[in-house]
């Protein structure tokens, strides 16, 4: 089965998303993050599930209630590993860093 690696940048994005959710609805923040992480772990079974993004990268759309999230990732078929590079809310205009820096 494909392995999942969440980059330090993506971990920072998860923390940023949690902080935002916690400031709005502390009782739901943990469940939303668990849902997000469960969706990412689904890439282990279907690494090509996301839509093509920038050259060599894919983007997983994670629908959550009235909103959702986007996960930018790369699949290395030789090593059979998915590298999650960045996450953002669908309402954010762009990732916090240019994807070419990943």
C-alpha atoms as a PDB file:
ATOM      1  CA  UNK A   1       0.000   0.000   0.000  1.00  0.00           C
ATOM      2  CA  UNK A   2       1.126   3.547  -0.724  1.00  0.00           C
ATOM      3  CA  UNK A   3       2.688   5.435   2.177  1.00  0.00           C
ATOM      4  CA  UNK A   4       1.656   8.957   3.154  1.00  0.00           C
ATOM      5  CA  UNK A   5       4.113  11.717   4.067  1.00  0.00           C
ATOM      6  CA  UNK A   6       2.768  15.055   5.293  1.00  0.00           C
ATOM      7  CA  UNK A   7       5.390  17.748   4.784  1.00  0.00           C
ATOM      8  CA  UNK A   8       6.274  20.187   7.567  1.00  0.00           C
ATOM      9  CA  UNK A   9       4.614  22.921   5.499  1.00  0.00           C
ATOM     10  CA  UNK A  10       1.370  20.918   5.262  1.00  0.00           C
ATOM     11  CA  UNK A  11       1.488  20.186   9.010  1.00  0.00           C
ATOM     12  CA  UNK A  12       1.718  23.948   9.556  1.00  0.00           C
ATOM     13  CA  UNK A  13      -1.297  24.410   7.298  1.00  0.00           C
ATOM     14  CA  UNK A  14      -3.245  21.854   9.363  1.00  0.00           C
ATOM     15  CA  UNK A  15      -2.364  23.731  12.545  1.00  0.00           C
ATOM     16  CA  UNK A  16      -3.418  27.031  10.942  1.00  0.00           C
ATOM     17  CA  UNK A  17      -6.735  25.515   9.830  1.00  0.00           C
ATOM     18  CA  UNK A  18      -7.303  24.058  13.318  1.00  0.00           C
ATOM     19  CA  UNK A  19      -6.610  27.438  14.958  1.00  0.00           C
ATOM     20  CA  UNK A  20      -9.116  29.097  12.644  1.00  0.00           C
ATOM     21  CA  UNK A  21     -11.765  26.426  13.245  1.00  0.00           C
ATOM     22  CA  UNK A  22     -11.172  26.502  16.993  1.00  0.00           C
ATOM     23  CA  UNK A  23     -11.637  30.288  17.081  1.00  0.00           C
ATOM     24  CA  UNK A  24     -15.014  29.897  15.344  1.00  0.00           C
ATOM     25  CA  UNK A  25     -16.345  26.660  16.818  1.00  0.00           C
ATOM     26  CA  UNK A  26     -14.149  24.989  19.457  1.00  0.00           C
ATOM     27  CA  UNK A  27     -16.519  22.045  19.870  1.00  0.00           C
ATOM     28  CA  UNK A  28     -16.241  21.067  16.178  1.00  0.00           C
ATOM     29  CA  UNK A  29     -12.590  21.843  15.410  1.00  0.00           C
ATOM     30  CA  UNK A  30     -11.126  18.466  16.359  1.00  0.00           C
ATOM     31  CA  UNK A  31     -13.728  16.506  14.407  1.00  0.00           C
ATOM     32  CA  UNK A  32     -13.129  18.622  11.286  1.00  0.00           C
ATOM     33  CA  UNK A  33      -9.366  18.048  11.476  1.00  0.00           C
ATOM     34  CA  UNK A  34      -9.899  14.304  11.962  1.00  0.00           C
ATOM     35  CA  UNK A  35     -12.132  14.327   8.875  1.00  0.00           C
ATOM     36  CA  UNK A  36      -9.422  16.159   6.933  1.00  0.00           C
ATOM     37  CA  UNK A  37      -6.741  13.672   8.008  1.00  0.00           C
ATOM     38  CA  UNK A  38      -8.994  10.723   7.149  1.00  0.00           C
ATOM     39  CA  UNK A  39      -9.481  12.117   3.646  1.00  0.00           C
ATOM     40  CA  UNK A  40      -5.697  12.453   3.254  1.00  0.00           C
ATOM     41  CA  UNK A  41      -5.176   8.872   4.384  1.00  0.00           C
ATOM     42  CA  UNK A  42      -7.506   7.791   1.566  1.00  0.00           C
ATOM     43  CA  UNK A  43      -4.702   8.744  -0.820  1.00  0.00           C
ATOM     44  CA  UNK A  44      -2.865   5.621   0.378  1.00  0.00           C
ATOM     45  CA  UNK A  45      -5.457   3.491  -1.390  1.00  0.00           C
ATOM     46  CA  UNK A  46      -6.058   5.795  -4.364  1.00  0.00           C
ATOM     47  CA  UNK A  47      -3.053   8.075  -4.932  1.00  0.00           C
ATOM     48  CA  UNK A  48      -4.410   9.305  -8.274  1.00  0.00           C
ATOM     49  CA  UNK A  49      -7.759  10.380  -6.777  1.00  0.00           C
ATOM     50  CA  UNK A  50      -7.007  14.083  -6.999  1.00  0.00           C
ATOM     51  CA  UNK A  51      -7.352  16.227 -10.061  1.00  0.00           C
ATOM     52  CA  UNK A  52      -4.254  17.277 -12.001  1.00  0.00           C
ATOM     53  CA  UNK A  53      -2.846  20.578 -10.769  1.00  0.00           C
ATOM     54  CA  UNK A  54       0.487  22.136 -11.619  1.00  0.00           C
ATOM     55  CA  UNK A  55       3.094  20.060 -13.474  1.00  0.00           C
ATOM     56  CA  UNK A  56       3.633  16.809 -11.554  1.00  0.00           C
ATOM     57  CA  UNK A  57       1.230  17.756  -8.774  1.00  0.00           C
ATOM     58  CA  UNK A  58      -2.331  16.796  -7.991  1.00  0.00           C
ATOM     59  CA  UNK A  59      -5.024  18.423  -5.875  1.00  0.00           C
ATOM     60  CA  UNK A  60      -7.455  16.502  -3.695  1.00  0.00           C
ATOM     61  CA  UNK A  61     -10.821  18.180  -3.135  1.00  0.00           C
ATOM     62  CA  UNK A  62     -12.099  17.444   0.366  1.00  0.00           C
ATOM     63  CA  UNK A  63     -15.746  18.418   0.759  1.00  0.00           C
ATOM     64  CA  UNK A  64     -16.812  19.245   4.307  1.00  0.00           C
ATOM     65  CA  UNK A  65     -20.307  20.567   4.886  1.00  0.00           C
ATOM     66  CA  UNK A  66     -20.830  23.881   3.132  1.00  0.00           C
ATOM     67  CA  UNK A  67     -17.120  24.336   2.477  1.00  0.00           C
ATOM     68  CA  UNK A  68     -14.111  22.187   2.097  1.00  0.00           C
ATOM     69  CA  UNK A  69     -10.388  21.970   1.635  1.00  0.00           C
ATOM     70  CA  UNK A  70      -7.815  21.412  -1.068  1.00  0.00           C
ATOM     71  CA  UNK A  71      -4.703  19.305  -0.563  1.00  0.00           C
ATOM     72  CA  UNK A  72      -1.793  19.751  -2.958  1.00  0.00           C
ATOM     73  CA  UNK A  73       0.250  16.579  -3.290  1.00  0.00           C
ATOM     74  CA  UNK A  74       2.665  14.591  -5.406  1.00  0.00           C
ATOM     75  CA  UNK A  75       2.679  10.818  -5.883  1.00  0.00           C
ATOM     76  CA  UNK A  76       6.005   9.056  -6.427  1.00  0.00           C
ATOM     77  CA  UNK A  77       5.104   5.719  -8.037  1.00  0.00           C
ATOM     78  CA  UNK A  78       8.681   4.408  -7.811  1.00  0.00           C
ATOM     79  CA  UNK A  79       8.848   4.804  -4.024  1.00  0.00           C
ATOM     80  CA  UNK A  80       5.059   4.384  -3.738  1.00  0.00           C
ATOM     81  CA  UNK A  81       4.650   7.408  -1.499  1.00  0.00           C
ATOM     82  CA  UNK A  82       2.286  10.372  -1.509  1.00  0.00           C
ATOM     83  CA  UNK A  83       3.838  13.666  -0.402  1.00  0.00           C
ATOM     84  CA  UNK A  84       1.196  16.080   0.887  1.00  0.00           C
ATOM     85  CA  UNK A  85       2.706  19.494   0.227  1.00  0.00           C
ATOM     86  CA  UNK A  86       0.088  22.042   1.277  1.00  0.00           C
ATOM     87  CA  UNK A  87      -3.507  22.424   2.412  1.00  0.00           C
ATOM     88  CA  UNK A  88      -5.937  25.292   2.250  1.00  0.00           C
ATOM     89  CA  UNK A  89      -9.594  26.079   2.614  1.00  0.00           C
ATOM     90  CA  UNK A  90     -11.525  26.268  -0.645  1.00  0.00           C
ATOM     91  CA  UNK A  91     -12.377  29.820   0.342  1.00  0.00           C
ATOM     92  CA  UNK A  92      -8.733  30.870   0.381  1.00  0.00           C
ATOM     93  CA  UNK A  93      -7.548  32.319  -2.902  1.00  0.00           C
ATOM     94  CA  UNK A  94      -4.301  30.386  -3.106  1.00  0.00           C
ATOM     95  CA  UNK A  95      -1.838  28.277  -1.176  1.00  0.00           C
ATOM     96  CA  UNK A  96       0.336  30.160   1.276  1.00  0.00           C
ATOM     97  CA  UNK A  97       3.395  29.414  -0.872  1.00  0.00           C
ATOM     98  CA  UNK A  98       3.928  29.021  -4.583  1.00  0.00           C
ATOM     99  CA  UNK A  99       3.611  25.291  -5.433  1.00  0.00           C
ATOM    100  CA  UNK A 100       6.877  25.383  -7.373  1.00  0.00           C
ATOM    101  CA  UNK A 101       8.699  25.776  -4.052  1.00  0.00           C
ATOM    102  CA  UNK A 102       7.640  22.278  -2.942  1.00  0.00           C
END
